[in-house]
Amino acid sequence: MKVMVGGTFDPLHDGHKRLISRSFEIAGSTGTVIIGLTTDAFASRKSHPVRPFNERRESLEEFIRENGWSASWTIQPLNDRFGSALDDEFDALVVSEETLPIAREINMLRRERGHQKVDIHQITCVLAEDGKWISSTRIYRGEIDDHGRLLS
């Protein structure tokens, strides 16, 4: 199975790790995972600083290697919310609760372009110790670490 997932992944926290892990699980041992990683220009719209593309890519590659998944994988630059998901042939899109509306929009636009809809797999966001979502913004604010442990 060919699976797509996308994000900024900075810092690479437990929520991101769940998203990527689920993508490899769905792809299976003989599948493929395409990871869209936001470009520096696209990521610059964030409300917090974002490390350069190559540093974020290295963190992703290290996480993937550490887990030893057998599915093939590639990391593509993501210049907008959709990347290659509007026209590429693939089977499934893995998203969080936060990005589910974008996945639905991708399927609508795919249908308008004459492409088949893809399966949408939504993961639940990982909660921090305080019961709120782990997010990069909260980590950059110094509220929590990348595992959701409270810092203040």
C-alpha atoms as a PDB file:
ATOM      1  CA  MET A   1       0.000   0.000   0.000  1.00  0.00           C
ATOM      2  CA  LYS A   2       1.202   3.524  -0.791  1.00  0.00           C
ATOM      3  CA  VAL A   3       0.612   5.978   2.056  1.00  0.00           C
ATOM      4  CA  MET A   4       1.108   9.745   2.281  1.00  0.00           C
ATOM      5  CA  VAL A   5       1.625  11.891   5.359  1.00  0.00           C
ATOM      6  CA  GLY A   6       2.802  15.476   5.704  1.00  0.00           C
ATOM      7  CA  GLY A   7       3.886  18.130   8.155  1.00  0.00           C
ATOM      8  CA  THR A   8       6.556  20.481   9.423  1.00  0.00           C
ATOM      9  CA  PHE A   9       7.740  18.027  12.087  1.00  0.00           C
ATOM     10  CA  ASP A  10       9.631  20.568  14.191  1.00  0.00           C
ATOM     11  CA  PRO A  11      10.407  19.619  16.790  1.00  0.00           C
ATOM     12  CA  LEU A  12       9.689  15.960  16.069  1.00  0.00           C
ATOM     13  CA  HIS A  13       7.478  15.198  19.092  1.00  0.00           C
ATOM     14  CA  ASP A  14       5.506  12.153  20.251  1.00  0.00           C
ATOM     15  CA  GLY A  15       2.431  13.206  18.249  1.00  0.00           C
ATOM     16  CA  HIS A  16       4.466  13.342  15.048  1.00  0.00           C
ATOM     17  CA  LYS A  17       6.031   9.995  15.894  1.00  0.00           C
ATOM     18  CA  ARG A  18       2.569   8.437  16.270  1.00  0.00           C
ATOM     19  CA  LEU A  19       1.554   9.872  12.885  1.00  0.00           C
ATOM     20  CA  ILE A  20       4.633   8.527  11.107  1.00  0.00           C
ATOM     21  CA  SER A  21       4.506   5.174  12.896  1.00  0.00           C
ATOM     22  CA  ARG A  22       0.869   4.718  11.881  1.00  0.00           C
ATOM     23  CA  SER A  23       1.786   5.553   8.282  1.00  0.00           C
ATOM     24  CA  PHE A  24       4.362   2.757   8.206  1.00  0.00           C
ATOM     25  CA  GLU A  25       1.930   0.381   9.918  1.00  0.00           C
ATOM     26  CA  ILE A  26      -0.730   1.031   7.253  1.00  0.00           C
ATOM     27  CA  ALA A  27       1.796   0.759   4.403  1.00  0.00           C
ATOM     28  CA  GLY A  28       2.852  -2.675   5.594  1.00  0.00           C
ATOM     29  CA  SER A  29       6.217  -4.306   5.095  1.00  0.00           C
ATOM     30  CA  THR A  30       6.071  -4.137   1.290  1.00  0.00           C
ATOM     31  CA  GLY A  31       4.398  -0.735   0.976  1.00  0.00           C
ATOM     32  CA  THR A  32       5.676   2.791   0.513  1.00  0.00           C
ATOM     33  CA  VAL A  33       5.407   5.876   2.722  1.00  0.00           C
ATOM     34  CA  ILE A  34       5.690   9.312   1.133  1.00  0.00           C
ATOM     35  CA  ILE A  35       6.407  12.011   3.716  1.00  0.00           C
ATOM     36  CA  GLY A  36       5.708  15.577   2.654  1.00  0.00           C
ATOM     37  CA  LEU A  37       7.986  17.885   4.651  1.00  0.00           C
ATOM     38  CA  THR A  38       7.150  21.580   4.534  1.00  0.00           C
ATOM     39  CA  THR A  39       9.717  23.729   2.774  1.00  0.00           C
ATOM     40  CA  ASP A  40      11.342  26.613   4.617  1.00  0.00           C
ATOM     41  CA  ALA A  41       9.170  29.094   2.689  1.00  0.00           C
ATOM     42  CA  PHE A  42       5.923  27.280   3.544  1.00  0.00           C
ATOM     43  CA  ALA A  43       6.949  26.642   7.171  1.00  0.00           C
ATOM     44  CA  SER A  44       7.775  30.338   7.664  1.00  0.00           C
ATOM     45  CA  ARG A  45       4.042  31.035   8.171  1.00  0.00           C
ATOM     46  CA  LYS A  46       4.197  29.277  11.536  1.00  0.00           C
ATOM     47  CA  SER A  47       3.826  31.345  14.692  1.00  0.00           C
ATOM     48  CA  HIS A  48       7.093  29.967  16.091  1.00  0.00           C
ATOM     49  CA  PRO A  49      10.614  29.505  14.718  1.00  0.00           C
ATOM     50  CA  VAL A  50      11.201  26.431  12.541  1.00  0.00           C
ATOM     51  CA  ARG A  51      14.544  24.753  11.952  1.00  0.00           C
ATOM     52  CA  PRO A  52      15.815  24.607   8.347  1.00  0.00           C
ATOM     53  CA  PHE A  53      14.403  21.941   6.017  1.00  0.00           C
ATOM     54  CA  ASN A  54      17.610  19.858   5.970  1.00  0.00           C
ATOM     55  CA  GLU A  55      17.770  19.667   9.783  1.00  0.00           C
ATOM     56  CA  ARG A  56      14.113  18.611  10.003  1.00  0.00           C
ATOM     57  CA  ARG A  57      14.708  16.060   7.245  1.00  0.00           C
ATOM     58  CA  GLU A  58      17.672  14.602   9.166  1.00  0.00           C
ATOM     59  CA  SER A  59      15.537  14.229  12.320  1.00  0.00           C
ATOM     60  CA  LEU A  60      12.861  12.385  10.331  1.00  0.00           C
ATOM     61  CA  GLU A  61      15.401  10.113   8.654  1.00  0.00           C
ATOM     62  CA  GLU A  62      17.001   9.277  12.009  1.00  0.00           C
ATOM     63  CA  PHE A  63      13.596   8.413  13.537  1.00  0.00           C
ATOM     64  CA  ILE A  64      12.734   6.179  10.577  1.00  0.00           C
ATOM     65  CA  ARG A  65      16.095   4.401  10.660  1.00  0.00           C
ATOM     66  CA  GLU A  66      15.841   3.863  14.447  1.00  0.00           C
ATOM     67  CA  ASN A  67      12.528   2.072  13.942  1.00  0.00           C
ATOM     68  CA  GLY A  68      13.786  -0.173  11.147  1.00  0.00           C
ATOM     69  CA  TRP A  69      10.538  -0.320   9.183  1.00  0.00           C
ATOM     70  CA  SER A  70      10.788  -2.446   6.068  1.00  0.00           C
ATOM     71  CA  ALA A  71       8.462  -0.355   3.892  1.00  0.00           C
ATOM     72  CA  SER A  72      10.216   1.883   1.400  1.00  0.00           C
ATOM     73  CA  TRP A  73       9.959   5.602   2.041  1.00  0.00           C
ATOM     74  CA  THR A  74      10.816   8.985   0.643  1.00  0.00           C
ATOM     75  CA  ILE A  75      10.664  12.559   1.890  1.00  0.00           C
ATOM     76  CA  GLN A  76       9.325  15.172  -0.550  1.00  0.00           C
ATOM     77  CA  PRO A  77       9.343  18.967  -0.192  1.00  0.00           C
ATOM     78  CA  LEU A  78       5.852  20.227   0.636  1.00  0.00           C
ATOM     79  CA  ASN A  79       5.284  23.718  -0.788  1.00  0.00           C
ATOM     80  CA  ASP A  80       1.580  24.019   0.108  1.00  0.00           C
ATOM     81  CA  ARG A  81      -1.177  22.209   2.031  1.00  0.00           C
ATOM     82  CA  PHE A  82      -1.638  19.564  -0.661  1.00  0.00           C
ATOM     83  CA  GLY A  83       1.740  18.751  -2.183  1.00  0.00           C
ATOM     84  CA  SER A  84       1.560  15.902  -4.681  1.00  0.00           C
ATOM     85  CA  ALA A  85      -1.564  14.424  -3.020  1.00  0.00           C
ATOM     86  CA  LEU A  86      -3.907  16.024  -5.570  1.00  0.00           C
ATOM     87  CA  ASP A  87      -2.536  14.168  -8.581  1.00  0.00           C
ATOM     88  CA  ASP A  88      -0.312  11.268  -7.443  1.00  0.00           C
ATOM     89  CA  GLU A  89      -1.643   7.739  -7.305  1.00  0.00           C
ATOM     90  CA  PHE A  90      -1.670   6.459  -3.737  1.00  0.00           C
ATOM     91  CA  ASP A  91      -3.973   4.551  -1.409  1.00  0.00           C
ATOM     92  CA  ALA A  92      -4.166   6.305   1.946  1.00  0.00           C
ATOM     93  CA  LEU A  93      -3.550   9.585   3.709  1.00  0.00           C
ATOM     94  CA  VAL A  94      -2.676   9.617   7.422  1.00  0.00           C
ATOM     95  CA  VAL A  95      -3.673  12.745   9.339  1.00  0.00           C
ATOM     96  CA  SER A  96      -4.258  14.002  12.860  1.00  0.00           C
ATOM     97  CA  GLU A  97      -7.513  15.369  14.241  1.00  0.00           C
ATOM     98  CA  GLU A  98      -6.119  18.806  13.469  1.00  0.00           C
ATOM     99  CA  THR A  99      -5.477  18.138   9.769  1.00  0.00           C
ATOM    100  CA  LEU A 100      -8.545  16.008   8.986  1.00  0.00           C
ATOM    101  CA  PRO A 101     -10.292  18.907   7.151  1.00  0.00           C
ATOM    102  CA  ILE A 102      -7.339  19.205   4.751  1.00  0.00           C
ATOM    103  CA  ALA A 103      -7.569  15.473   3.972  1.00  0.00           C
ATOM    104  CA  ARG A 104     -11.257  15.848   3.171  1.00  0.00           C
ATOM    105  CA  GLU A 105     -10.446  18.796   0.922  1.00  0.00           C
ATOM    106  CA  ILE A 106      -7.780  16.729  -0.853  1.00  0.00           C
ATOM    107  CA  ASN A 107     -10.353  14.040  -1.649  1.00  0.00           C
ATOM    108  CA  MET A 108     -12.826  16.636  -2.921  1.00  0.00           C
ATOM    109  CA  LEU A 109     -10.188  18.174  -5.200  1.00  0.00           C
ATOM    110  CA  ARG A 110      -9.017  14.740  -6.364  1.00  0.00           C
ATOM    111  CA  ARG A 111     -12.581  13.895  -7.386  1.00  0.00           C
ATOM    112  CA  GLU A 112     -12.893  17.210  -9.264  1.00  0.00           C
ATOM    113  CA  ARG A 113      -9.677  16.344 -11.138  1.00  0.00           C
ATOM    114  CA  GLY A 114     -10.985  12.901 -12.082  1.00  0.00           C
ATOM    115  CA  HIS A 115      -8.838  10.953  -9.614  1.00  0.00           C
ATOM    116  CA  GLN A 116      -9.986   8.309  -7.165  1.00  0.00           C
ATOM    117  CA  LYS A 117     -10.553   9.272  -3.563  1.00  0.00           C
ATOM    118  CA  VAL A 118      -8.046   7.871  -1.081  1.00  0.00           C
ATOM    119  CA  ASP A 119      -8.664   6.323   2.314  1.00  0.00           C
ATOM    120  CA  ILE A 120      -8.226   8.738   5.198  1.00  0.00           C
ATOM    121  CA  HIS A 121      -6.755   7.365   8.413  1.00  0.00           C
ATOM    122  CA  GLN A 122      -7.032   9.758  11.351  1.00  0.00           C
ATOM    123  CA  ILE A 123      -4.931   9.267  14.435  1.00  0.00           C
ATOM    124  CA  THR A 124      -5.835  10.786  17.765  1.00  0.00           C
ATOM    125  CA  CYS A 125      -3.496  13.514  18.924  1.00  0.00           C
ATOM    126  CA  VAL A 126      -1.133  12.618  21.740  1.00  0.00           C
ATOM    127  CA  LEU A 127      -1.952  14.325  25.001  1.00  0.00           C
ATOM    128  CA  ALA A 128       0.534  16.003  27.297  1.00  0.00           C
ATOM    129  CA  GLU A 129       0.493  15.501  31.075  1.00  0.00           C
ATOM    130  CA  ASP A 130      -2.025  18.330  31.392  1.00  0.00           C
ATOM    131  CA  GLY A 131      -4.502  16.630  29.036  1.00  0.00           C
ATOM    132  CA  LYS A 132      -3.963  19.113  26.190  1.00  0.00           C
ATOM    133  CA  TRP A 133      -2.530  18.167  22.796  1.00  0.00           C
ATOM    134  CA  ILE A 134       1.226  17.993  22.382  1.00  0.00           C
ATOM    135  CA  SER A 135       2.076  20.635  19.795  1.00  0.00           C
ATOM    136  CA  SER A 136       5.190  22.281  18.439  1.00  0.00           C
ATOM    137  CA  THR A 137       3.822  25.669  19.505  1.00  0.00           C
ATOM    138  CA  ARG A 138       3.487  24.524  23.119  1.00  0.00           C
ATOM    139  CA  ILE A 139       7.002  23.083  23.022  1.00  0.00           C
ATOM    140  CA  TYR A 140       8.461  26.327  21.649  1.00  0.00           C
ATOM    141  CA  ARG A 141       6.599  28.309  24.331  1.00  0.00           C
ATOM    142  CA  GLY A 142       8.374  26.192  26.941  1.00  0.00           C
ATOM    143  CA  GLU A 143       5.135  24.712  28.352  1.00  0.00           C
ATOM    144  CA  ILE A 144       6.028  21.067  27.626  1.00  0.00           C
ATOM    145  CA  ASP A 145       8.837  18.940  26.237  1.00  0.00           C
ATOM    146  CA  ASP A 146       8.568  16.777  23.113  1.00  0.00           C
ATOM    147  CA  HIS A 147       7.062  13.952  25.197  1.00  0.00           C
ATOM    148  CA  GLY A 148       4.367  16.161  26.722  1.00  0.00           C
ATOM    149  CA  ARG A 149       5.933  16.524  30.145  1.00  0.00           C
ATOM    150  CA  LEU A 150       5.158  19.859  31.811  1.00  0.00           C
ATOM    151  CA  LEU A 151       8.126  22.214  32.110  1.00  0.00           C
ATOM    152  CA  SER A 152       6.666  25.096  34.066  1.00  0.00           C
END
